[in-house]
Amino acid sequence: YPMPMLINLFEKADKKALMETEDKINYDKLPDTITIYRGTQSKKAKRLGMSWTTNKEKATWFANRWKTLEGKVYKATIDKKYVYAYFNGRQEEEVVVNPSKLKGVTDGIK
């Protein structure tokens, strides 16, 4: 789906209905401004995608999981109100965000 459509759907959704009970509890514990990371592996990968993590090590894993591709880790901050959901399945500490609301995006960190 196009990103504007996905953003529209997430904005209309009830955040708490998207998450399991434990994820809701962890979402509530997030600070008002959150540092997040995104690991990508190709030049075509969207650095401003919707799926990020609060765990730098997990983003680094995503960036380097296949050694044949050049991985990058992006870092940004975002206000909690622009985080649509938090998921910790497989210990990913994933946050789904509105990428147009990211602040201070930097890349090339490890």
PDB file of N, CA and C in Angstrom:
ATOM      1  N   TYR A   1       0.836  -1.189   0.000  1.00  0.00           N
ATOM      2  CA  TYR A   1       0.000   0.000   0.000  1.00  0.00           C
ATOM      3  C   TYR A   1       0.879   1.251   0.000  1.00  0.00           C
ATOM      4  N   PRO A   2       0.425   2.318  -0.611  1.00  0.00           N
ATOM      5  CA  PRO A   2       1.200   3.565  -0.574  1.00  0.00           C
ATOM      6  C   PRO A   2       1.288   4.095   0.864  1.00  0.00           C
ATOM      7  N   MET A   3       2.434   4.694   1.184  1.00  0.00           N
ATOM      8  CA  MET A   3       2.636   5.175   2.545  1.00  0.00           C
ATOM      9  C   MET A   3       1.566   6.171   3.004  1.00  0.00           C
ATOM     10  N   PRO A   4       1.138   7.131   2.174  1.00  0.00           N
ATOM     11  CA  PRO A   4       0.088   8.042   2.651  1.00  0.00           C
ATOM     12  C   PRO A   4      -1.189   7.306   3.080  1.00  0.00           C
ATOM     13  N   MET A   5      -1.516   6.225   2.382  1.00  0.00           N
ATOM     14  CA  MET A   5      -2.694   5.445   2.761  1.00  0.00           C
ATOM     15  C   MET A   5      -2.474   4.750   4.107  1.00  0.00           C
ATOM     16  N   LEU A   6      -1.280   4.172   4.292  1.00  0.00           N
ATOM     17  CA  LEU A   6      -0.976   3.511   5.560  1.00  0.00           C
ATOM     18  C   LEU A   6      -1.001   4.495   6.721  1.00  0.00           C
ATOM     19  N   ILE A   7      -0.415   5.665   6.516  1.00  0.00           N
ATOM     20  CA  ILE A   7      -0.412   6.681   7.566  1.00  0.00           C
ATOM     21  C   ILE A   7      -1.846   7.066   7.913  1.00  0.00           C
ATOM     22  N   ASN A   8      -2.664   7.256   6.908  1.00  0.00           N
ATOM     23  CA  ASN A   8      -4.068   7.609   7.134  1.00  0.00           C
ATOM     24  C   ASN A   8      -4.781   6.528   7.953  1.00  0.00           C
ATOM     25  N   LEU A   9      -4.548   5.272   7.624  1.00  0.00           N
ATOM     26  CA  LEU A   9      -5.178   4.175   8.359  1.00  0.00           C
ATOM     27  C   LEU A   9      -4.705   4.126   9.810  1.00  0.00           C
ATOM     28  N   PHE A  10      -3.395   4.274  10.018  1.00  0.00           N
ATOM     29  CA  PHE A  10      -2.879   4.270  11.385  1.00  0.00           C
ATOM     30  C   PHE A  10      -3.398   5.459  12.184  1.00  0.00           C
ATOM     31  N   GLU A  11      -3.523   6.610  11.570  1.00  0.00           N
ATOM     32  CA  GLU A  11      -4.026   7.782  12.281  1.00  0.00           C
ATOM     33  C   GLU A  11      -5.486   7.625  12.696  1.00  0.00           C
ATOM     34  N   LYS A  12      -6.247   6.866  11.944  1.00  0.00           N
ATOM     35  CA  LYS A  12      -7.654   6.638  12.273  1.00  0.00           C
ATOM     36  C   LYS A  12      -7.842   5.536  13.307  1.00  0.00           C
ATOM     37  N   ALA A  13      -6.841   4.675  13.441  1.00  0.00           N
ATOM     38  CA  ALA A  13      -6.951   3.525  14.340  1.00  0.00           C
ATOM     39  C   ALA A  13      -6.769   3.941  15.795  1.00  0.00           C
ATOM     40  N   ASP A  14      -7.381   3.180  16.682  1.00  0.00           N
ATOM     41  CA  ASP A  14      -7.172   3.337  18.113  1.00  0.00           C
ATOM     42  C   ASP A  14      -5.842   2.665  18.456  1.00  0.00           C
ATOM     43  N   LYS A  15      -4.856   3.447  18.892  1.00  0.00           N
ATOM     44  CA  LYS A  15      -3.524   2.903  19.183  1.00  0.00           C
ATOM     45  C   LYS A  15      -3.594   1.691  20.101  1.00  0.00           C
ATOM     46  N   LYS A  16      -4.382   1.783  21.121  1.00  0.00           N
ATOM     47  CA  LYS A  16      -4.442   0.709  22.113  1.00  0.00           C
ATOM     48  C   LYS A  16      -5.045  -0.569  21.536  1.00  0.00           C
ATOM     49  N   ALA A  17      -5.874  -0.455  20.507  1.00  0.00           N
ATOM     50  CA  ALA A  17      -6.472  -1.637  19.881  1.00  0.00           C
ATOM     51  C   ALA A  17      -5.465  -2.374  18.997  1.00  0.00           C
ATOM     52  N   LEU A  18      -4.389  -1.722  18.630  1.00  0.00           N
ATOM     53  CA  LEU A  18      -3.381  -2.331  17.764  1.00  0.00           C
ATOM     54  C   LEU A  18      -2.382  -3.196  18.526  1.00  0.00           C
ATOM     55  N   MET A  19      -2.342  -3.045  19.852  1.00  0.00           N
ATOM     56  CA  MET A  19      -1.288  -3.673  20.638  1.00  0.00           C
ATOM     57  C   MET A  19      -1.838  -4.686  21.637  1.00  0.00           C
ATOM     58  N   GLU A  20      -1.001  -5.691  21.948  1.00  0.00           N
ATOM     59  CA  GLU A  20      -1.294  -6.633  23.017  1.00  0.00           C
ATOM     60  C   GLU A  20      -1.130  -5.909  24.359  1.00  0.00           C
ATOM     61  N   THR A  21      -1.636  -6.482  25.424  1.00  0.00           N
ATOM     62  CA  THR A  21      -1.607  -5.846  26.745  1.00  0.00           C
ATOM     63  C   THR A  21      -0.196  -5.455  27.166  1.00  0.00           C
ATOM     64  N   GLU A  22       0.762  -6.366  27.031  1.00  0.00           N
ATOM     65  CA  GLU A  22       2.142  -6.063  27.443  1.00  0.00           C
ATOM     66  C   GLU A  22       2.733  -4.935  26.601  1.00  0.00           C
ATOM     67  N   ASP A  23       2.425  -4.936  25.311  1.00  0.00           N
ATOM     68  CA  ASP A  23       2.922  -3.876  24.441  1.00  0.00           C
ATOM     69  C   ASP A  23       2.303  -2.527  24.810  1.00  0.00           C
ATOM     70  N   LYS A  24       1.050  -2.521  25.202  1.00  0.00           N
ATOM     71  CA  LYS A  24       0.392  -1.279  25.654  1.00  0.00           C
ATOM     72  C   LYS A  24       1.098  -0.732  26.891  1.00  0.00           C
ATOM     73  N   ILE A  25       1.441  -1.628  27.805  1.00  0.00           N
ATOM     74  CA  ILE A  25       2.133  -1.208  29.033  1.00  0.00           C
ATOM     75  C   ILE A  25       3.482  -0.593  28.682  1.00  0.00           C
ATOM     76  N   ASN A  26       4.224  -1.238  27.780  1.00  0.00           N
ATOM     77  CA  ASN A  26       5.532  -0.711  27.368  1.00  0.00           C
ATOM     78  C   ASN A  26       5.386   0.592  26.597  1.00  0.00           C
ATOM     79  N   TYR A  27       4.370   0.708  25.774  1.00  0.00           N
ATOM     80  CA  TYR A  27       4.107   1.962  25.057  1.00  0.00           C
ATOM     81  C   TYR A  27       3.879   3.098  26.065  1.00  0.00           C
ATOM     82  N   ASP A  28       3.084   2.834  27.080  1.00  0.00           N
ATOM     83  CA  ASP A  28       2.792   3.861  28.084  1.00  0.00           C
ATOM     84  C   ASP A  28       4.051   4.320  28.823  1.00  0.00           C
ATOM     85  N   LYS A  29       5.050   3.442  28.922  1.00  0.00           N
ATOM     86  CA  LYS A  29       6.298   3.781  29.613  1.00  0.00           C
ATOM     87  C   LYS A  29       7.260   4.602  28.759  1.00  0.00           C
ATOM     88  N   LEU A  30       7.008   4.681  27.447  1.00  0.00           N
ATOM     89  CA  LEU A  30       7.908   5.447  26.578  1.00  0.00           C
ATOM     90  C   LEU A  30       7.898   6.922  26.978  1.00  0.00           C
ATOM     91  N   PRO A  31       9.048   7.591  26.888  1.00  0.00           N
ATOM     92  CA  PRO A  31       9.093   9.031  27.199  1.00  0.00           C
ATOM     93  C   PRO A  31       8.373   9.844  26.114  1.00  0.00           C
ATOM     94  N   ASP A  32       8.169  11.119  26.358  1.00  0.00           N
ATOM     95  CA  ASP A  32       7.470  11.979  25.402  1.00  0.00           C
ATOM     96  C   ASP A  32       8.235  12.143  24.094  1.00  0.00           C
ATOM     97  N   THR A  33       9.559  12.108  24.163  1.00  0.00           N
ATOM     98  CA  THR A  33      10.407  12.136  22.966  1.00  0.00           C
ATOM     99  C   THR A  33      11.267  10.883  22.995  1.00  0.00           C
ATOM    100  N   ILE A  34      11.301  10.164  21.873  1.00  0.00           N
ATOM    101  CA  ILE A  34      11.930   8.847  21.820  1.00  0.00           C
ATOM    102  C   ILE A  34      13.056   8.846  20.786  1.00  0.00           C
ATOM    103  N   THR A  35      14.186   8.255  21.143  1.00  0.00           N
ATOM    104  CA  THR A  35      15.254   8.013  20.180  1.00  0.00           C
ATOM    105  C   THR A  35      14.982   6.658  19.552  1.00  0.00           C
ATOM    106  N   ILE A  36      14.991   6.629  18.213  1.00  0.00           N
ATOM    107  CA  ILE A  36      14.687   5.400  17.489  1.00  0.00           C
ATOM    108  C   ILE A  36      15.734   5.147  16.408  1.00  0.00           C
ATOM    109  N   TYR A  37      15.787   3.891  15.944  1.00  0.00           N
ATOM    110  CA  TYR A  37      16.791   3.459  14.979  1.00  0.00           C
ATOM    111  C   TYR A  37      16.118   2.621  13.888  1.00  0.00           C
ATOM    112  N   ARG A  38      16.729   2.636  12.698  1.00  0.00           N
ATOM    113  CA  ARG A  38      16.217   1.834  11.583  1.00  0.00           C
ATOM    114  C   ARG A  38      17.402   1.251  10.827  1.00  0.00           C
ATOM    115  N   GLY A  39      17.454  -0.066  10.753  1.00  0.00           N
ATOM    116  CA  GLY A  39      18.505  -0.747  10.016  1.00  0.00           C
ATOM    117  C   GLY A  39      18.020  -1.128   8.635  1.00  0.00           C
ATOM    118  N   THR A  40      18.767  -0.723   7.610  1.00  0.00           N
ATOM    119  CA  THR A  40      18.417  -1.060   6.230  1.00  0.00           C
ATOM    120  C   THR A  40      19.622  -1.682   5.541  1.00  0.00           C
ATOM    121  N   GLN A  41      19.375  -2.296   4.381  1.00  0.00           N
ATOM    122  CA  GLN A  41      20.453  -3.018   3.721  1.00  0.00           C
ATOM    123  C   GLN A  41      20.709  -2.646   2.277  1.00  0.00           C
ATOM    124  N   SER A  42      19.987  -1.762   1.722  1.00  0.00           N
ATOM    125  CA  SER A  42      20.252  -1.436   0.323  1.00  0.00           C
ATOM    126  C   SER A  42      19.987   0.035   0.077  1.00  0.00           C
ATOM    127  N   LYS A  43      20.515   0.510  -1.039  1.00  0.00           N
ATOM    128  CA  LYS A  43      20.300   1.908  -1.397  1.00  0.00           C
ATOM    129  C   LYS A  43      18.838   2.195  -1.674  1.00  0.00           C
ATOM    130  N   LYS A  44      18.071   1.160  -2.031  1.00  0.00           N
ATOM    131  CA  LYS A  44      16.658   1.328  -2.332  1.00  0.00           C
ATOM    132  C   LYS A  44      15.786   1.366  -1.074  1.00  0.00           C
ATOM    133  N   ALA A  45      16.334   0.913   0.049  1.00  0.00           N
ATOM    134  CA  ALA A  45      15.555   0.868   1.281  1.00  0.00           C
ATOM    135  C   ALA A  45      15.191   2.280   1.721  1.00  0.00           C
ATOM    136  N   LYS A  46      14.005   2.410   2.209  1.00  0.00           N
ATOM    137  CA  LYS A  46      13.519   3.724   2.624  1.00  0.00           C
ATOM    138  C   LYS A  46      14.022   4.060   4.021  1.00  0.00           C
ATOM    139  N   ARG A  47      14.828   5.084   4.087  1.00  0.00           N
ATOM    140  CA  ARG A  47      15.319   5.483   5.416  1.00  0.00           C
ATOM    141  C   ARG A  47      14.205   6.122   6.222  1.00  0.00           C
ATOM    142  N   LEU A  48      13.185   6.595   5.559  1.00  0.00           N
ATOM    143  CA  LEU A  48      12.081   7.228   6.272  1.00  0.00           C
ATOM    144  C   LEU A  48      10.850   6.321   6.306  1.00  0.00           C
ATOM    145  N   GLY A  49      11.077   5.030   6.451  1.00  0.00           N
ATOM    146  CA  GLY A  49       9.968   4.088   6.558  1.00  0.00           C
ATOM    147  C   GLY A  49       9.232   4.225   7.877  1.00  0.00           C
ATOM    148  N   MET A  50       8.175   3.460   8.019  1.00  0.00           N
ATOM    149  CA  MET A  50       7.324   3.531   9.202  1.00  0.00           C
ATOM    150  C   MET A  50       7.790   2.621  10.337  1.00  0.00           C
ATOM    151  N   SER A  51       8.600   1.624  10.042  1.00  0.00           N
ATOM    152  CA  SER A  51       9.013   0.640  11.034  1.00  0.00           C
ATOM    153  C   SER A  51      10.412   0.957  11.560  1.00  0.00           C
ATOM    154  N   TRP A  52      10.498   1.272  12.844  1.00  0.00           N
ATOM    155  CA  TRP A  52      11.747   1.603  13.519  1.00  0.00           C
ATOM    156  C   TRP A  52      11.820   0.778  14.796  1.00  0.00           C
ATOM    157  N   THR A  53      12.922   0.911  15.535  1.00  0.00           N
ATOM    158  CA  THR A  53      13.069   0.230  16.813  1.00  0.00           C
ATOM    159  C   THR A  53      13.688   1.184  17.828  1.00  0.00           C
ATOM    160  N   THR A  54      13.403   0.926  19.079  1.00  0.00           N
ATOM    161  CA  THR A  54      14.043   1.701  20.148  1.00  0.00           C
ATOM    162  C   THR A  54      15.368   1.064  20.554  1.00  0.00           C
ATOM    163  N   ASN A  55      15.719  -0.062  19.924  1.00  0.00           N
ATOM    164  CA  ASN A  55      16.892  -0.839  20.283  1.00  0.00           C
ATOM    165  C   ASN A  55      17.962  -0.710  19.194  1.00  0.00           C
ATOM    166  N   LYS A  56      19.028   0.017  19.488  1.00  0.00           N
ATOM    167  CA  LYS A  56      20.100   0.232  18.508  1.00  0.00           C
ATOM    168  C   LYS A  56      20.733  -1.079  18.048  1.00  0.00           C
ATOM    169  N   GLU A  57      20.918  -2.024  18.966  1.00  0.00           N
ATOM    170  CA  GLU A  57      21.515  -3.302  18.609  1.00  0.00           C
ATOM    171  C   GLU A  57      20.632  -4.068  17.619  1.00  0.00           C
ATOM    172  N   LYS A  58      19.324  -4.004  17.785  1.00  0.00           N
ATOM    173  CA  LYS A  58      18.415  -4.689  16.867  1.00  0.00           C
ATOM    174  C   LYS A  58      18.469  -4.035  15.490  1.00  0.00           C
ATOM    175  N   ALA A  59      18.549  -2.716  15.427  1.00  0.00           N
ATOM    176  CA  ALA A  59      18.671  -2.020  14.137  1.00  0.00           C
ATOM    177  C   ALA A  59      19.975  -2.418  13.449  1.00  0.00           C
ATOM    178  N   THR A  60      21.045  -2.543  14.212  1.00  0.00           N
ATOM    179  CA  THR A  60      22.333  -2.960  13.655  1.00  0.00           C
ATOM    180  C   THR A  60      22.235  -4.376  13.112  1.00  0.00           C
ATOM    181  N   TRP A  61      21.520  -5.250  13.811  1.00  0.00           N
ATOM    182  CA  TRP A  61      21.317  -6.612  13.323  1.00  0.00           C
ATOM    183  C   TRP A  61      20.593  -6.585  11.972  1.00  0.00           C
ATOM    184  N   PHE A  62      19.518  -5.792  11.867  1.00  0.00           N
ATOM    185  CA  PHE A  62      18.787  -5.694  10.608  1.00  0.00           C
ATOM    186  C   PHE A  62      19.687  -5.165   9.487  1.00  0.00           C
ATOM    187  N   ALA A  63      20.548  -4.230   9.810  1.00  0.00           N
ATOM    188  CA  ALA A  63      21.438  -3.642   8.799  1.00  0.00           C
ATOM    189  C   ALA A  63      22.498  -4.627   8.317  1.00  0.00           C
ATOM    190  N   ASN A  64      22.858  -5.573   9.159  1.00  0.00           N
ATOM    191  CA  ASN A  64      23.974  -6.467   8.841  1.00  0.00           C
ATOM    192  C   ASN A  64      23.596  -7.933   8.703  1.00  0.00           C
ATOM    193  N   ARG A  65      22.318  -8.267   8.648  1.00  0.00           N
ATOM    194  CA  ARG A  65      21.932  -9.680   8.666  1.00  0.00           C
ATOM    195  C   ARG A  65      22.400 -10.452   7.443  1.00  0.00           C
ATOM    196  N   TRP A  66      22.563  -9.792   6.300  1.00  0.00           N
ATOM    197  CA  TRP A  66      23.134 -10.450   5.125  1.00  0.00           C
ATOM    198  C   TRP A  66      24.399  -9.701   4.769  1.00  0.00           C
ATOM    199  N   LYS A  67      25.503 -10.332   4.918  1.00  0.00           N
ATOM    200  CA  LYS A  67      26.807  -9.675   4.749  1.00  0.00           C
ATOM    201  C   LYS A  67      27.088  -9.244   3.320  1.00  0.00           C
ATOM    202  N   THR A  68      26.300  -9.699   2.359  1.00  0.00           N
ATOM    203  CA  THR A  68      26.550  -9.348   0.959  1.00  0.00           C
ATOM    204  C   THR A  68      25.999  -7.971   0.589  1.00  0.00           C
ATOM    205  N   LEU A  69      25.203  -7.394   1.457  1.00  0.00           N
ATOM    206  CA  LEU A  69      24.616  -6.085   1.182  1.00  0.00           C
ATOM    207  C   LEU A  69      25.187  -5.038   2.124  1.00  0.00           C
ATOM    208  N   GLU A  70      25.212  -3.808   1.679  1.00  0.00           N
ATOM    209  CA  GLU A  70      25.723  -2.710   2.503  1.00  0.00           C
ATOM    210  C   GLU A  70      24.618  -2.219   3.436  1.00  0.00           C
ATOM    211  N   GLY A  71      24.818  -2.388   4.710  1.00  0.00           N
ATOM    212  CA  GLY A  71      23.817  -1.985   5.680  1.00  0.00           C
ATOM    213  C   GLY A  71      24.088  -0.610   6.259  1.00  0.00           C
ATOM    214  N   LYS A  72      23.010   0.049   6.640  1.00  0.00           N
ATOM    215  CA  LYS A  72      23.094   1.340   7.316  1.00  0.00           C
ATOM    216  C   LYS A  72      22.129   1.356   8.481  1.00  0.00           C
ATOM    217  N   VAL A  73      22.504   2.100   9.503  1.00  0.00           N
ATOM    218  CA  VAL A  73      21.620   2.311  10.640  1.00  0.00           C
ATOM    219  C   VAL A  73      21.322   3.797  10.716  1.00  0.00           C
ATOM    220  N   TYR A  74      20.055   4.120  10.708  1.00  0.00           N
ATOM    221  CA  TYR A  74      19.613   5.504  10.843  1.00  0.00           C
ATOM    222  C   TYR A  74      19.157   5.736  12.272  1.00  0.00           C
ATOM    223  N   LYS A  75      19.347   6.949  12.728  1.00  0.00           N
ATOM    224  CA  LYS A  75      18.933   7.338  14.076  1.00  0.00           C
ATOM    225  C   LYS A  75      18.085   8.593  13.952  1.00  0.00           C
ATOM    226  N   ALA A  76      17.035   8.679  14.752  1.00  0.00           N
ATOM    227  CA  ALA A  76      16.169   9.856  14.746  1.00  0.00           C
ATOM    228  C   ALA A  76      15.495   9.970  16.105  1.00  0.00           C
ATOM    229  N   THR A  77      14.818  11.071  16.296  1.00  0.00           N
ATOM    230  CA  THR A  77      13.936  11.204  17.448  1.00  0.00           C
ATOM    231  C   THR A  77      12.531  11.483  16.917  1.00  0.00           C
ATOM    232  N   ILE A  78      11.557  11.156  17.754  1.00  0.00           N
ATOM    233  CA  ILE A  78      10.169  11.403  17.382  1.00  0.00           C
ATOM    234  C   ILE A  78       9.363  11.625  18.653  1.00  0.00           C
ATOM    235  N   ASP A  79       8.387  12.489  18.572  1.00  0.00           N
ATOM    236  CA  ASP A  79       7.485  12.692  19.701  1.00  0.00           C
ATOM    237  C   ASP A  79       6.565  11.484  19.819  1.00  0.00           C
ATOM    238  N   LYS A  80       6.332  11.033  21.033  1.00  0.00           N
ATOM    239  CA  LYS A  80       5.522   9.847  21.287  1.00  0.00           C
ATOM    240  C   LYS A  80       4.153   9.920  20.617  1.00  0.00           C
ATOM    241  N   LYS A  81       3.600  11.107  20.506  1.00  0.00           N
ATOM    242  CA  LYS A  81       2.264  11.222  19.913  1.00  0.00           C
ATOM    243  C   LYS A  81       2.240  10.790  18.447  1.00  0.00           C
ATOM    244  N   TYR A  82       3.409  10.689  17.801  1.00  0.00           N
ATOM    245  CA  TYR A  82       3.496  10.234  16.410  1.00  0.00           C
ATOM    246  C   TYR A  82       3.900   8.764  16.295  1.00  0.00           C
ATOM    247  N   VAL A  83       3.940   8.075  17.417  1.00  0.00           N
ATOM    248  CA  VAL A  83       4.171   6.636  17.431  1.00  0.00           C
ATOM    249  C   VAL A  83       2.801   5.971  17.429  1.00  0.00           C
ATOM    250  N   TYR A  84       2.518   5.224  16.374  1.00  0.00           N
ATOM    251  CA  TYR A  84       1.202   4.601  16.228  1.00  0.00           C
ATOM    252  C   TYR A  84       1.066   3.326  17.046  1.00  0.00           C
ATOM    253  N   ALA A  85       2.158   2.587  17.207  1.00  0.00           N
ATOM    254  CA  ALA A  85       2.098   1.327  17.945  1.00  0.00           C
ATOM    255  C   ALA A  85       3.497   0.909  18.360  1.00  0.00           C
ATOM    256  N   TYR A  86       3.545   0.070  19.402  1.00  0.00           N
ATOM    257  CA  TYR A  86       4.787  -0.511  19.901  1.00  0.00           C
ATOM    258  C   TYR A  86       4.596  -2.025  19.931  1.00  0.00           C
ATOM    259  N   PHE A  87       5.563  -2.757  19.377  1.00  0.00           N
ATOM    260  CA  PHE A  87       5.504  -4.216  19.376  1.00  0.00           C
ATOM    261  C   PHE A  87       6.846  -4.764  19.828  1.00  0.00           C
ATOM    262  N   ASN A  88       6.817  -5.720  20.749  1.00  0.00           N
ATOM    263  CA  ASN A  88       8.072  -6.301  21.205  1.00  0.00           C
ATOM    264  C   ASN A  88       8.165  -7.780  20.863  1.00  0.00           C
ATOM    265  N   GLY A  89       7.422  -8.252  19.885  1.00  0.00           N
ATOM    266  CA  GLY A  89       7.559  -9.634  19.443  1.00  0.00           C
ATOM    267  C   GLY A  89       8.975  -9.884  18.973  1.00  0.00           C
ATOM    268  N   ARG A  90       9.528 -11.030  19.298  1.00  0.00           N
ATOM    269  CA  ARG A  90      10.908 -11.392  18.948  1.00  0.00           C
ATOM    270  C   ARG A  90      11.911 -10.352  19.476  1.00  0.00           C
ATOM    271  N   GLN A  91      11.549  -9.663  20.531  1.00  0.00           N
ATOM    272  CA  GLN A  91      12.439  -8.693  21.190  1.00  0.00           C
ATOM    273  C   GLN A  91      12.902  -7.590  20.252  1.00  0.00           C
ATOM    274  N   GLU A  92      12.058  -7.190  19.313  1.00  0.00           N
ATOM    275  CA  GLU A  92      12.446  -6.161  18.340  1.00  0.00           C
ATOM    276  C   GLU A  92      12.236  -4.739  18.842  1.00  0.00           C
ATOM    277  N   GLU A  93      11.389  -4.551  19.839  1.00  0.00           N
ATOM    278  CA  GLU A  93      11.099  -3.209  20.348  1.00  0.00           C
ATOM    279  C   GLU A  93      10.732  -2.272  19.196  1.00  0.00           C
ATOM    280  N   GLU A  94       9.867  -2.782  18.319  1.00  0.00           N
ATOM    281  CA  GLU A  94       9.473  -2.040  17.116  1.00  0.00           C
ATOM    282  C   GLU A  94       8.462  -0.947  17.443  1.00  0.00           C
ATOM    283  N   VAL A  95       8.661   0.201  16.814  1.00  0.00           N
ATOM    284  CA  VAL A  95       7.678   1.274  16.867  1.00  0.00           C
ATOM    285  C   VAL A  95       7.268   1.597  15.432  1.00  0.00           C
ATOM    286  N   VAL A  96       5.966   1.754  15.247  1.00  0.00           N
ATOM    287  CA  VAL A  96       5.436   2.157  13.952  1.00  0.00           C
ATOM    288  C   VAL A  96       5.161   3.646  14.063  1.00  0.00           C
ATOM    289  N   VAL A  97       5.774   4.420  13.171  1.00  0.00           N
ATOM    290  CA  VAL A  97       5.746   5.879  13.310  1.00  0.00           C
ATOM    291  C   VAL A  97       5.288   6.566  12.025  1.00  0.00           C
ATOM    292  N   ASN A  98       4.957   7.835  12.172  1.00  0.00           N
ATOM    293  CA  ASN A  98       4.713   8.693  11.021  1.00  0.00           C
ATOM    294  C   ASN A  98       6.073   9.252  10.599  1.00  0.00           C
ATOM    295  N   PRO A  99       6.634   8.777   9.488  1.00  0.00           N
ATOM    296  CA  PRO A  99       7.993   9.190   9.126  1.00  0.00           C
ATOM    297  C   PRO A  99       8.137  10.674   8.806  1.00  0.00           C
ATOM    298  N   SER A 100       7.048  11.349   8.496  1.00  0.00           N
ATOM    299  CA  SER A 100       7.149  12.785   8.218  1.00  0.00           C
ATOM    300  C   SER A 100       7.364  13.586   9.499  1.00  0.00           C
ATOM    301  N   LYS A 101       7.241  12.947  10.652  1.00  0.00           N
ATOM    302  CA  LYS A 101       7.400  13.619  11.945  1.00  0.00           C
ATOM    303  C   LYS A 101       8.745  13.317  12.605  1.00  0.00           C
ATOM    304  N   LEU A 102       9.636  12.600  11.897  1.00  0.00           N
ATOM    305  CA  LEU A 102      10.958  12.302  12.448  1.00  0.00           C
ATOM    306  C   LEU A 102      11.771  13.595  12.557  1.00  0.00           C
ATOM    307  N   LYS A 103      12.617  13.636  13.579  1.00  0.00           N
ATOM    308  CA  LYS A 103      13.507  14.798  13.774  1.00  0.00           C
ATOM    309  C   LYS A 103      14.947  14.324  13.809  1.00  0.00           C
ATOM    310  N   GLY A 104      15.838  15.128  13.230  1.00  0.00           N
ATOM    311  CA  GLY A 104      17.272  14.893  13.337  1.00  0.00           C
ATOM    312  C   GLY A 104      17.728  13.558  12.795  1.00  0.00           C
ATOM    313  N   VAL A 105      17.220  13.139  11.662  1.00  0.00           N
ATOM    314  CA  VAL A 105      17.611  11.840  11.089  1.00  0.00           C
ATOM    315  C   VAL A 105      19.083  11.886  10.690  1.00  0.00           C
ATOM    316  N   THR A 106      19.843  10.935  11.232  1.00  0.00           N
ATOM    317  CA  THR A 106      21.261  10.798  10.869  1.00  0.00           C
ATOM    318  C   THR A 106      21.474   9.392  10.355  1.00  0.00           C
ATOM    319  N   ASP A 107      22.523   9.182   9.575  1.00  0.00           N
ATOM    320  CA  ASP A 107      22.763   7.854   9.062  1.00  0.00           C
ATOM    321  C   ASP A 107      24.227   7.482   9.161  1.00  0.00           C
ATOM    322  N   GLY A 108      24.469   6.219   8.926  1.00  0.00           N
ATOM    323  CA  GLY A 108      25.824   5.728   8.943  1.00  0.00           C
ATOM    324  C   GLY A 108      26.350   5.406  10.323  1.00  0.00           C
ATOM    325  N   ILE A 109      25.504   5.400  11.346  1.00  0.00           N
ATOM    326  CA  ILE A 109      25.988   5.068  12.683  1.00  0.00           C
ATOM    327  C   ILE A 109      26.094   3.560  12.814  1.00  0.00           C
ATOM    328  N   LYS A 110      26.921   3.126  13.708  1.00  0.00           N
ATOM    329  CA  LYS A 110      27.046   1.690  13.990  1.00  0.00           C
ATOM    330  C   LYS A 110      27.075   1.434  15.470  1.00  0.00           C
TER     331      LYS A 110
END
